Structures are given as structure tokens and as C-alpha cells.
PDB file of N, CA and C in Angstrom:
ATOM      1  N   UNK A   1      57.277 -49.809 -15.061  1.00  0.00           N
ATOM      2  CA  UNK A   1      56.898 -50.769 -16.331  1.00  0.00           C
ATOM      3  C   UNK A   1      55.996 -51.846 -15.339  1.00  0.00           C
ATOM      4  N   UNK A   2      56.178 -52.347 -13.975  1.00  0.00           N
ATOM      5  CA  UNK A   2      55.236 -52.786 -13.019  1.00  0.00           C
ATOM      6  C   UNK A   2      55.570 -54.561 -13.216  1.00  0.00           C
ATOM      7  N   UNK A   3      54.813 -54.903 -12.243  1.00  0.00           N
ATOM      8  CA  UNK A   3      54.927 -56.719 -12.874  1.00  0.00           C
ATOM      9  C   UNK A   3      54.427 -57.406 -13.906  1.00  0.00           C
ATOM     10  N   UNK A   4      56.278 -57.470 -14.665  1.00  0.00           N
ATOM     11  CA  UNK A   4      55.595 -58.179 -15.779  1.00  0.00           C
ATOM     12  C   UNK A   4      55.882 -60.045 -15.337  1.00  0.00           C
ATOM     13  N   UNK A   5      55.301 -60.838 -16.651  1.00  0.00           N
ATOM     14  CA  UNK A   5      54.881 -62.448 -16.635  1.00  0.00           C
ATOM     15  C   UNK A   5      56.135 -63.000 -17.498  1.00  0.00           C
ATOM     16  N   UNK A   6      56.941 -63.626 -17.446  1.00  0.00           N
ATOM     17  CA  UNK A   6      57.688 -64.281 -18.381  1.00  0.00           C
ATOM     18  C   UNK A   6      57.345 -65.988 -18.233  1.00  0.00           C
ATOM     19  N   UNK A   7      57.394 -65.761 -19.469  1.00  0.00           N
ATOM     20  CA  UNK A   7      56.945 -67.084 -19.982  1.00  0.00           C
ATOM     21  C   UNK A   7      58.176 -67.452 -20.511  1.00  0.00           C
ATOM     22  N   UNK A   8      59.311 -68.566 -20.226  1.00  0.00           N
ATOM     23  CA  UNK A   8      59.896 -69.068 -19.799  1.00  0.00           C
ATOM     24  C   UNK A   8      60.760 -70.963 -21.095  1.00  0.00           C
ATOM     25  N   UNK A   9      60.916 -70.766 -21.185  1.00  0.00           N
ATOM     26  CA  UNK A   9      61.535 -72.402 -22.307  1.00  0.00           C
ATOM     27  C   UNK A   9      61.728 -72.949 -21.054  1.00  0.00           C
ATOM     28  N   UNK A  10      62.539 -74.275 -21.049  1.00  0.00           N
ATOM     29  CA  UNK A  10      63.749 -74.463 -20.976  1.00  0.00           C
ATOM     30  C   UNK A  10      64.521 -75.620 -21.116  1.00  0.00           C
ATOM     31  N   UNK A  11      64.300 -76.788 -22.294  1.00  0.00           N
ATOM     32  CA  UNK A  11      65.724 -77.159 -22.326  1.00  0.00           C
ATOM     33  C   UNK A  11      66.530 -75.810 -23.981  1.00  0.00           C
ATOM     34  N   UNK A  12      67.563 -75.544 -23.579  1.00  0.00           N
ATOM     35  CA  UNK A  12      68.183 -75.385 -24.432  1.00  0.00           C
ATOM     36  C   UNK A  12      67.475 -73.357 -24.036  1.00  0.00           C
ATOM     37  N   UNK A  13      67.361 -73.111 -22.858  1.00  0.00           N
ATOM     38  CA  UNK A  13      67.115 -72.268 -22.119  1.00  0.00           C
ATOM     39  C   UNK A  13      67.396 -71.771 -20.768  1.00  0.00           C
ATOM     40  N   UNK A  14      67.492 -72.373 -20.221  1.00  0.00           N
ATOM     41  CA  UNK A  14      68.304 -72.781 -18.819  1.00  0.00           C
ATOM     42  C   UNK A  14      68.911 -73.548 -18.718  1.00  0.00           C
ATOM     43  N   UNK A  15      68.799 -74.656 -19.573  1.00  0.00           N
ATOM     44  CA  UNK A  15      69.824 -76.177 -19.533  1.00  0.00           C
ATOM     45  C   UNK A  15      69.945 -76.474 -21.453  1.00  0.00           C
ATOM     46  N   UNK A  16      71.325 -77.044 -21.160  1.00  0.00           N
ATOM     47  CA  UNK A  16      71.850 -77.103 -22.183  1.00  0.00           C
ATOM     48  C   UNK A  16      70.724 -78.824 -22.709  1.00  0.00           C
ATOM     49  N   UNK A  17      70.192 -79.022 -23.565  1.00  0.00           N
ATOM     50  CA  UNK A  17      69.051 -79.869 -24.337  1.00  0.00           C
ATOM     51  C   UNK A  17      70.644 -81.242 -24.729  1.00  0.00           C
ATOM     52  N   UNK A  18      71.497 -81.656 -23.815  1.00  0.00           N
ATOM     53  CA  UNK A  18      71.948 -82.381 -24.508  1.00  0.00           C
ATOM     54  C   UNK A  18      71.872 -84.608 -23.614  1.00  0.00           C
ATOM     55  N   UNK A  19      71.826 -85.129 -23.791  1.00  0.00           N
ATOM     56  CA  UNK A  19      71.592 -86.463 -22.990  1.00  0.00           C
ATOM     57  C   UNK A  19      70.179 -86.306 -22.618  1.00  0.00           C
ATOM     58  N   UNK A  20      69.986 -87.305 -21.761  1.00  0.00           N
ATOM     59  CA  UNK A  20      68.792 -87.864 -21.280  1.00  0.00           C
ATOM     60  C   UNK A  20      68.248 -86.870 -20.186  1.00  0.00           C
ATOM     61  N   UNK A  21      67.075 -86.320 -20.373  1.00  0.00           N
ATOM     62  CA  UNK A  21      66.363 -85.674 -20.141  1.00  0.00           C
ATOM     63  C   UNK A  21      66.809 -85.528 -18.489  1.00  0.00           C
ATOM     64  N   UNK A  22      66.802 -86.322 -17.737  1.00  0.00           N
ATOM     65  CA  UNK A  22      67.495 -86.754 -15.967  1.00  0.00           C
ATOM     66  C   UNK A  22      68.821 -86.018 -16.031  1.00  0.00           C
ATOM     67  N   UNK A  23      69.153 -86.129 -16.393  1.00  0.00           N
ATOM     68  CA  UNK A  23      70.856 -86.257 -16.454  1.00  0.00           C
ATOM     69  C   UNK A  23      71.068 -84.585 -17.035  1.00  0.00           C
ATOM     70  N   UNK A  24      70.680 -83.803 -17.167  1.00  0.00           N
ATOM     71  CA  UNK A  24      70.429 -82.427 -18.233  1.00  0.00           C
ATOM     72  C   UNK A  24      71.187 -80.964 -16.665  1.00  0.00           C
ATOM     73  N   UNK A  25      72.247 -80.292 -16.870  1.00  0.00           N
ATOM     74  CA  UNK A  25      72.479 -79.475 -15.840  1.00  0.00           C
ATOM     75  C   UNK A  25      72.100 -78.040 -16.593  1.00  0.00           C
ATOM     76  N   UNK A  26      71.708 -77.288 -15.175  1.00  0.00           N
ATOM     77  CA  UNK A  26      71.351 -75.840 -15.501  1.00  0.00           C
ATOM     78  C   UNK A  26      72.503 -75.455 -15.640  1.00  0.00           C
ATOM     79  N   UNK A  27      72.315 -73.891 -16.317  1.00  0.00           N
ATOM     80  CA  UNK A  27      72.718 -72.485 -16.880  1.00  0.00           C
ATOM     81  C   UNK A  27      73.079 -71.337 -14.984  1.00  0.00           C
ATOM     82  N   UNK A  28      73.798 -71.759 -14.396  1.00  0.00           N
ATOM     83  CA  UNK A  28      73.362 -71.051 -12.697  1.00  0.00           C
ATOM     84  C   UNK A  28      73.655 -70.253 -13.563  1.00  0.00           C
ATOM     85  N   UNK A  29      74.467 -69.295 -14.376  1.00  0.00           N
ATOM     86  CA  UNK A  29      74.025 -67.576 -14.151  1.00  0.00           C
ATOM     87  C   UNK A  29      72.389 -67.308 -14.865  1.00  0.00           C
ATOM     88  N   UNK A  30      71.748 -68.057 -15.600  1.00  0.00           N
ATOM     89  CA  UNK A  30      70.632 -68.127 -15.701  1.00  0.00           C
ATOM     90  C   UNK A  30      69.059 -69.079 -14.829  1.00  0.00           C
ATOM     91  N   UNK A  31      69.901 -69.632 -14.090  1.00  0.00           N
ATOM     92  CA  UNK A  31      68.339 -69.649 -12.751  1.00  0.00           C
ATOM     93  C   UNK A  31      68.715 -67.940 -12.006  1.00  0.00           C
ATOM     94  N   UNK A  32      70.251 -67.837 -11.927  1.00  0.00           N
ATOM     95  CA  UNK A  32      70.200 -66.613 -10.588  1.00  0.00           C
ATOM     96  C   UNK A  32      69.551 -65.219 -11.197  1.00  0.00           C
ATOM     97  N   UNK A  33      69.653 -65.181 -12.841  1.00  0.00           N
ATOM     98  CA  UNK A  33      68.909 -63.672 -13.440  1.00  0.00           C
ATOM     99  C   UNK A  33      67.393 -64.225 -13.369  1.00  0.00           C
ATOM    100  N   UNK A  34      66.548 -65.508 -13.616  1.00  0.00           N
ATOM    101  CA  UNK A  34      65.623 -65.828 -13.158  1.00  0.00           C
ATOM    102  C   UNK A  34      65.023 -65.864 -12.211  1.00  0.00           C
ATOM    103  N   UNK A  35      65.858 -66.539 -10.948  1.00  0.00           N
ATOM    104  CA  UNK A  35      65.237 -66.029  -8.990  1.00  0.00           C
ATOM    105  C   UNK A  35      65.613 -64.343  -8.821  1.00  0.00           C
ATOM    106  N   UNK A  36      66.032 -63.442  -9.645  1.00  0.00           N
ATOM    107  CA  UNK A  36      66.277 -62.551  -9.010  1.00  0.00           C
ATOM    108  C   UNK A  36      64.890 -61.668  -9.816  1.00  0.00           C
ATOM    109  N   UNK A  37      64.015 -61.469 -10.862  1.00  0.00           N
ATOM    110  CA  UNK A  37      63.155 -61.751 -11.582  1.00  0.00           C
ATOM    111  C   UNK A  37      62.434 -62.170 -10.611  1.00  0.00           C
ATOM    112  N   UNK A  38      62.442 -63.318 -10.142  1.00  0.00           N
ATOM    113  CA  UNK A  38      60.941 -63.694  -9.170  1.00  0.00           C
ATOM    114  C   UNK A  38      61.115 -62.905  -7.669  1.00  0.00           C
ATOM    115  N   UNK A  39      62.206 -62.758  -7.315  1.00  0.00           N
ATOM    116  CA  UNK A  39      62.193 -61.839  -6.163  1.00  0.00           C
ATOM    117  C   UNK A  39      62.183 -60.530  -6.332  1.00  0.00           C
ATOM    118  N   UNK A  40      62.485 -60.416  -7.599  1.00  0.00           N
ATOM    119  CA  UNK A  40      61.734 -58.503  -8.131  1.00  0.00           C
ATOM    120  C   UNK A  40      60.254 -58.649  -7.417  1.00  0.00           C
ATOM    121  N   UNK A  41      59.416 -60.098  -8.141  1.00  0.00           N
ATOM    122  CA  UNK A  41      58.242 -59.672  -7.723  1.00  0.00           C
ATOM    123  C   UNK A  41      57.191 -60.004  -9.144  1.00  0.00           C
ATOM    124  N   UNK A  42      58.042 -60.521  -9.994  1.00  0.00           N
ATOM    125  CA  UNK A  42      57.637 -60.773 -11.698  1.00  0.00           C
ATOM    126  C   UNK A  42      57.093 -62.776 -11.397  1.00  0.00           C
ATOM    127  N   UNK A  43      56.536 -62.501 -12.162  1.00  0.00           N
ATOM    128  CA  UNK A  43      55.688 -63.871 -12.563  1.00  0.00           C
ATOM    129  C   UNK A  43      56.256 -64.410 -13.740  1.00  0.00           C
ATOM    130  N   UNK A  44      57.089 -65.997 -12.844  1.00  0.00           N
ATOM    131  CA  UNK A  44      57.561 -66.731 -13.797  1.00  0.00           C
ATOM    132  C   UNK A  44      57.046 -68.300 -14.020  1.00  0.00           C
ATOM    133  N   UNK A  45      57.269 -68.672 -15.282  1.00  0.00           N
ATOM    134  CA  UNK A  45      55.877 -69.371 -16.006  1.00  0.00           C
ATOM    135  C   UNK A  45      56.773 -69.980 -16.880  1.00  0.00           C
ATOM    136  N   UNK A  46      57.078 -71.220 -16.396  1.00  0.00           N
ATOM    137  CA  UNK A  46      58.429 -72.775 -17.780  1.00  0.00           C
ATOM    138  C   UNK A  46      56.936 -73.465 -18.317  1.00  0.00           C
ATOM    139  N   UNK A  47      57.452 -73.606 -18.821  1.00  0.00           N
ATOM    140  CA  UNK A  47      56.752 -74.468 -20.787  1.00  0.00           C
ATOM    141  C   UNK A  47      57.630 -75.470 -21.107  1.00  0.00           C
ATOM    142  N   UNK A  48      57.533 -76.463 -22.024  1.00  0.00           N
ATOM    143  CA  UNK A  48      58.722 -77.164 -21.949  1.00  0.00           C
ATOM    144  C   UNK A  48      57.787 -78.043 -22.717  1.00  0.00           C
ATOM    145  N   UNK A  49      57.870 -78.630 -24.500  1.00  0.00           N
ATOM    146  CA  UNK A  49      57.942 -79.992 -25.001  1.00  0.00           C
ATOM    147  C   UNK A  49      58.112 -81.137 -24.808  1.00  0.00           C
ATOM    148  N   UNK A  50      58.476 -81.033 -23.249  1.00  0.00           N
ATOM    149  CA  UNK A  50      59.159 -82.230 -23.340  1.00  0.00           C
ATOM    150  C   UNK A  50      58.188 -83.781 -23.289  1.00  0.00           C
ATOM    151  N   UNK A  51      58.514 -85.030 -24.035  1.00  0.00           N
ATOM    152  CA  UNK A  51      57.663 -86.116 -23.822  1.00  0.00           C
ATOM    153  C   UNK A  51      56.731 -85.349 -24.942  1.00  0.00           C
ATOM    154  N   UNK A  52      56.511 -84.649 -26.048  1.00  0.00           N
ATOM    155  CA  UNK A  52      55.415 -84.851 -26.876  1.00  0.00           C
ATOM    156  C   UNK A  52      56.072 -85.587 -27.984  1.00  0.00           C
ATOM    157  N   UNK A  53      57.190 -85.764 -28.404  1.00  0.00           N
ATOM    158  CA  UNK A  53      58.015 -86.809 -29.898  1.00  0.00           C
ATOM    159  C   UNK A  53      57.317 -87.912 -29.332  1.00  0.00           C
ATOM    160  N   UNK A  54      58.477 -88.262 -28.001  1.00  0.00           N
ATOM    161  CA  UNK A  54      57.469 -90.019 -27.673  1.00  0.00           C
ATOM    162  C   UNK A  54      56.117 -89.658 -26.867  1.00  0.00           C
ATOM    163  N   UNK A  55      55.032 -89.056 -26.946  1.00  0.00           N
ATOM    164  CA  UNK A  55      54.102 -89.232 -26.655  1.00  0.00           C
ATOM    165  C   UNK A  55      53.382 -89.070 -25.041  1.00  0.00           C
ATOM    166  N   UNK A  56      55.200 -89.537 -24.362  1.00  0.00           N
ATOM    167  CA  UNK A  56      53.965 -89.300 -22.292  1.00  0.00           C
ATOM    168  C   UNK A  56      54.033 -88.214 -21.923  1.00  0.00           C
ATOM    169  N   UNK A  57      54.265 -87.094 -22.613  1.00  0.00           N
ATOM    170  CA  UNK A  57      53.668 -86.017 -21.983  1.00  0.00           C
ATOM    171  C   UNK A  57      54.154 -86.032 -20.528  1.00  0.00           C
ATOM    172  N   UNK A  58      53.263 -85.153 -20.533  1.00  0.00           N
ATOM    173  CA  UNK A  58      53.779 -84.422 -18.641  1.00  0.00           C
ATOM    174  C   UNK A  58      53.289 -85.850 -17.490  1.00  0.00           C
ATOM    175  N   UNK A  59      52.165 -86.051 -17.896  1.00  0.00           N
ATOM    176  CA  UNK A  59      52.344 -87.444 -16.707  1.00  0.00           C
ATOM    177  C   UNK A  59      53.392 -88.140 -16.842  1.00  0.00           C
ATOM    178  N   UNK A  60      54.447 -88.539 -17.376  1.00  0.00           N
ATOM    179  CA  UNK A  60      55.797 -88.924 -17.314  1.00  0.00           C
ATOM    180  C   UNK A  60      56.771 -88.094 -17.362  1.00  0.00           C
ATOM    181  N   UNK A  61      56.959 -86.135 -17.245  1.00  0.00           N
ATOM    182  CA  UNK A  61      57.721 -86.087 -17.760  1.00  0.00           C
ATOM    183  C   UNK A  61      57.658 -84.818 -16.445  1.00  0.00           C
ATOM    184  N   UNK A  62      56.458 -84.638 -16.010  1.00  0.00           N
ATOM    185  CA  UNK A  62      55.719 -83.854 -15.073  1.00  0.00           C
ATOM    186  C   UNK A  62      56.785 -83.938 -14.382  1.00  0.00           C
ATOM    187  N   UNK A  63      56.496 -85.086 -13.290  1.00  0.00           N
ATOM    188  CA  UNK A  63      57.644 -85.297 -11.822  1.00  0.00           C
ATOM    189  C   UNK A  63      59.325 -84.805 -12.213  1.00  0.00           C
ATOM    190  N   UNK A  64      59.987 -85.608 -13.012  1.00  0.00           N
ATOM    191  CA  UNK A  64      61.222 -85.205 -13.805  1.00  0.00           C
ATOM    192  C   UNK A  64      61.096 -83.930 -13.566  1.00  0.00           C
ATOM    193  N   UNK A  65      61.117 -83.162 -14.466  1.00  0.00           N
ATOM    194  CA  UNK A  65      60.737 -81.888 -14.856  1.00  0.00           C
ATOM    195  C   UNK A  65      60.834 -80.773 -13.408  1.00  0.00           C
ATOM    196  N   UNK A  66      59.528 -81.318 -12.023  1.00  0.00           N
ATOM    197  CA  UNK A  66      59.574 -80.287 -10.669  1.00  0.00           C
ATOM    198  C   UNK A  66      60.678 -80.743 -10.335  1.00  0.00           C
ATOM    199  N   UNK A  67      61.147 -82.109 -10.405  1.00  0.00           N
ATOM    200  CA  UNK A  67      62.660 -82.262  -9.541  1.00  0.00           C
ATOM    201  C   UNK A  67      63.385 -82.003 -10.137  1.00  0.00           C
ATOM    202  N   UNK A  68      63.419 -81.135 -11.613  1.00  0.00           N
ATOM    203  CA  UNK A  68      64.871 -80.881 -11.965  1.00  0.00           C
ATOM    204  C   UNK A  68      64.736 -79.298 -11.321  1.00  0.00           C
ATOM    205  N   UNK A  69      63.424 -79.242 -11.377  1.00  0.00           N
ATOM    206  CA  UNK A  69      63.551 -77.228 -11.005  1.00  0.00           C
ATOM    207  C   UNK A  69      64.078 -76.690  -9.562  1.00  0.00           C
ATOM    208  N   UNK A  70      63.430 -77.514  -8.880  1.00  0.00           N
ATOM    209  CA  UNK A  70      64.106 -77.414  -7.603  1.00  0.00           C
ATOM    210  C   UNK A  70      64.966 -78.366  -7.101  1.00  0.00           C
ATOM    211  N   UNK A  71      65.607 -79.294  -7.877  1.00  0.00           N
ATOM    212  CA  UNK A  71      66.694 -79.564  -7.400  1.00  0.00           C
ATOM    213  C   UNK A  71      67.880 -78.457  -8.540  1.00  0.00           C
ATOM    214  N   UNK A  72      67.793 -77.867  -9.255  1.00  0.00           N
ATOM    215  CA  UNK A  72      68.226 -76.503  -9.828  1.00  0.00           C
ATOM    216  C   UNK A  72      68.355 -75.492  -8.937  1.00  0.00           C
ATOM    217  N   UNK A  73      67.347 -75.493  -7.777  1.00  0.00           N
ATOM    218  CA  UNK A  73      66.666 -74.125  -6.961  1.00  0.00           C
ATOM    219  C   UNK A  73      66.652 -72.781  -8.009  1.00  0.00           C
ATOM    220  N   UNK A  74      65.384 -73.398  -8.591  1.00  0.00           N
ATOM    221  CA  UNK A  74      65.059 -72.259  -9.981  1.00  0.00           C
ATOM    222  C   UNK A  74      63.905 -72.285  -9.201  1.00  0.00           C
ATOM    223  N   UNK A  75      63.214 -70.854  -8.548  1.00  0.00           N
ATOM    224  CA  UNK A  75      61.584 -69.807  -8.310  1.00  0.00           C
ATOM    225  C   UNK A  75      61.048 -70.258  -9.532  1.00  0.00           C
ATOM    226  N   UNK A  76      59.582 -70.329  -9.320  1.00  0.00           N
ATOM    227  CA  UNK A  76      58.846 -70.362 -10.579  1.00  0.00           C
ATOM    228  C   UNK A  76      57.478 -69.869  -9.841  1.00  0.00           C
ATOM    229  N   UNK A  77      56.141 -69.447 -11.164  1.00  0.00           N
ATOM    230  CA  UNK A  77      54.989 -69.959  -9.951  1.00  0.00           C
ATOM    231  C   UNK A  77      54.059 -71.357 -10.988  1.00  0.00           C
ATOM    232  N   UNK A  78      54.780 -71.244 -12.236  1.00  0.00           N
ATOM    233  CA  UNK A  78      53.600 -72.433 -12.493  1.00  0.00           C
ATOM    234  C   UNK A  78      54.194 -73.376 -13.329  1.00  0.00           C
ATOM    235  N   UNK A  79      54.256 -74.604 -14.019  1.00  0.00           N
ATOM    236  CA  UNK A  79      55.047 -75.567 -15.275  1.00  0.00           C
ATOM    237  C   UNK A  79      54.233 -75.743 -15.827  1.00  0.00           C
ATOM    238  N   UNK A  80      54.269 -75.269 -17.851  1.00  0.00           N
ATOM    239  CA  UNK A  80      53.250 -76.061 -18.264  1.00  0.00           C
ATOM    240  C   UNK A  80      53.447 -76.945 -19.346  1.00  0.00           C
ATOM    241  N   UNK A  81      52.925 -77.918 -19.723  1.00  0.00           N
ATOM    242  CA  UNK A  81      53.343 -78.566 -20.986  1.00  0.00           C
ATOM    243  C   UNK A  81      52.672 -78.072 -22.012  1.00  0.00           C
ATOM    244  N   UNK A  82      53.459 -77.511 -23.105  1.00  0.00           N
ATOM    245  CA  UNK A  82      52.539 -77.641 -24.407  1.00  0.00           C
ATOM    246  C   UNK A  82      52.327 -78.191 -25.520  1.00  0.00           C
ATOM    247  N   UNK A  83      51.363 -78.439 -25.536  1.00  0.00           N
ATOM    248  CA  UNK A  83      50.443 -79.523 -26.609  1.00  0.00           C
ATOM    249  C   UNK A  83      50.886 -79.401 -28.284  1.00  0.00           C
ATOM    250  N   UNK A  84      52.334 -78.627 -28.143  1.00  0.00           N
ATOM    251  CA  UNK A  84      52.563 -79.240 -29.760  1.00  0.00           C
ATOM    252  C   UNK A  84      54.416 -79.142 -30.025  1.00  0.00           C
ATOM    253  N   UNK A  85      54.340 -79.920 -30.783  1.00  0.00           N
ATOM    254  CA  UNK A  85      55.803 -79.650 -30.913  1.00  0.00           C
ATOM    255  C   UNK A  85      56.619 -78.965 -32.237  1.00  0.00           C
ATOM    256  N   UNK A  86      57.788 -78.217 -32.804  1.00  0.00           N
ATOM    257  CA  UNK A  86      58.301 -77.807 -34.049  1.00  0.00           C
ATOM    258  C   UNK A  86      59.583 -77.065 -33.318  1.00  0.00           C
ATOM    259  N   UNK A  87      60.165 -77.073 -34.735  1.00  0.00           N
ATOM    260  CA  UNK A  87      61.545 -75.623 -34.064  1.00  0.00           C
ATOM    261  C   UNK A  87      61.962 -74.340 -34.987  1.00  0.00           C
ATOM    262  N   UNK A  88      60.748 -73.733 -35.169  1.00  0.00           N
ATOM    263  CA  UNK A  88      60.926 -72.649 -35.325  1.00  0.00           C
ATOM    264  C   UNK A  88      59.317 -72.060 -34.376  1.00  0.00           C
ATOM    265  N   UNK A  89      59.901 -71.620 -33.299  1.00  0.00           N
ATOM    266  CA  UNK A  89      58.303 -70.607 -32.862  1.00  0.00           C
ATOM    267  C   UNK A  89      58.322 -68.889 -32.939  1.00  0.00           C
ATOM    268  N   UNK A  90      57.921 -68.160 -33.771  1.00  0.00           N
ATOM    269  CA  UNK A  90      57.658 -66.947 -34.132  1.00  0.00           C
ATOM    270  C   UNK A  90      56.545 -66.528 -33.208  1.00  0.00           C
ATOM    271  N   UNK A  91      56.771 -65.265 -32.602  1.00  0.00           N
ATOM    272  CA  UNK A  91      56.193 -64.675 -31.697  1.00  0.00           C
ATOM    273  C   UNK A  91      56.897 -62.978 -31.452  1.00  0.00           C
ATOM    274  N   UNK A  92      55.778 -62.343 -31.768  1.00  0.00           N
ATOM    275  CA  UNK A  92      56.077 -61.108 -31.547  1.00  0.00           C
ATOM    276  C   UNK A  92      56.600 -60.392 -30.607  1.00  0.00           C
ATOM    277  N   UNK A  93      56.563 -61.813 -29.080  1.00  0.00           N
ATOM    278  CA  UNK A  93      56.918 -61.199 -27.848  1.00  0.00           C
ATOM    279  C   UNK A  93      58.098 -62.223 -27.589  1.00  0.00           C
ATOM    280  N   UNK A  94      58.853 -62.326 -28.408  1.00  0.00           N
ATOM    281  CA  UNK A  94      60.242 -63.312 -28.339  1.00  0.00           C
ATOM    282  C   UNK A  94      61.405 -62.847 -27.673  1.00  0.00           C
ATOM    283  N   UNK A  95      62.278 -63.199 -27.265  1.00  0.00           N
ATOM    284  CA  UNK A  95      63.861 -62.978 -26.895  1.00  0.00           C
ATOM    285  C   UNK A  95      64.502 -64.391 -26.391  1.00  0.00           C
ATOM    286  N   UNK A  96      65.560 -64.338 -28.014  1.00  0.00           N
ATOM    287  CA  UNK A  96      66.059 -65.337 -27.888  1.00  0.00           C
ATOM    288  C   UNK A  96      66.957 -65.148 -26.916  1.00  0.00           C
ATOM    289  N   UNK A  97      66.947 -66.926 -25.988  1.00  0.00           N
ATOM    290  CA  UNK A  97      67.797 -67.203 -24.280  1.00  0.00           C
ATOM    291  C   UNK A  97      68.886 -66.345 -24.826  1.00  0.00           C
ATOM    292  N   UNK A  98      69.838 -66.684 -25.522  1.00  0.00           N
ATOM    293  CA  UNK A  98      71.307 -65.708 -25.672  1.00  0.00           C
ATOM    294  C   UNK A  98      71.660 -64.549 -25.600  1.00  0.00           C
ATOM    295  N   UNK A  99      70.377 -63.571 -25.857  1.00  0.00           N
ATOM    296  CA  UNK A  99      70.294 -62.248 -26.112  1.00  0.00           C
ATOM    297  C   UNK A  99      69.998 -61.786 -24.557  1.00  0.00           C
ATOM    298  N   UNK A 100      68.640 -62.555 -23.644  1.00  0.00           N
ATOM    299  CA  UNK A 100      67.674 -62.317 -22.238  1.00  0.00           C
ATOM    300  C   UNK A 100      68.824 -62.377 -21.683  1.00  0.00           C
ATOM    301  N   UNK A 101      70.166 -63.297 -21.584  1.00  0.00           N
ATOM    302  CA  UNK A 101      70.724 -63.875 -20.516  1.00  0.00           C
ATOM    303  C   UNK A 101      71.584 -63.866 -20.521  1.00  0.00           C
ATOM    304  N   UNK A 102      72.110 -62.494 -21.578  1.00  0.00           N
ATOM    305  CA  UNK A 102      73.803 -61.686 -21.808  1.00  0.00           C
ATOM    306  C   UNK A 102      73.856 -61.169 -20.071  1.00  0.00           C
TER     307      UNK A 102
END
């Protein structure tokens, strides 16, 4: 299959979206799986909607999110803040996190 590019959300995907953003903790087994993909040569890109509802966006949440990913020991290539917010995302290539991290 070769090198793949994984686009991964953060909240409720690698950490539980509970409480303030700065207090969130990762699911360690998911971090381990992502790091293994990275070590296997795959491209890891995180994206998040953090700050879209409040209007703070990347200027506010960027440093916080990068510091979290570093503290959690997650290996990645890029981080994007998507300019949209919603409750349901439909994509022909999507996998629900609970299925992916089984």
C-alpha cells in the first residue's frame, strides 16, 4: 500500500473532549498507534476546530495545542486549524476513531 497520509482530529479522537482544552489528557494507546504509523514512515497531520466557536482560532489555540501534542509525546508532521465547525462530518474516506483505534 505504500506511504499513507493520515488526517486526524484531536478532541474525542486522541483525547477525551472533557473540561477545558488545557486540561485534556490523551488516550495513550491511541498516541502509541499514531506514533507507530509515524515511525513506519506514514504522514501524520492533525486538524482541529478548537477556537472556531469562540472566534479565538489558531492564534489562541495554536500554542496550547502544539504544547499538548508535544507533552503527550505525539509524533506528527503538521497541525491545521480547520475554518469550519459542525456536528457531523461526512467523508468518503473517514473512519470513526473507535473503529480505527481498536
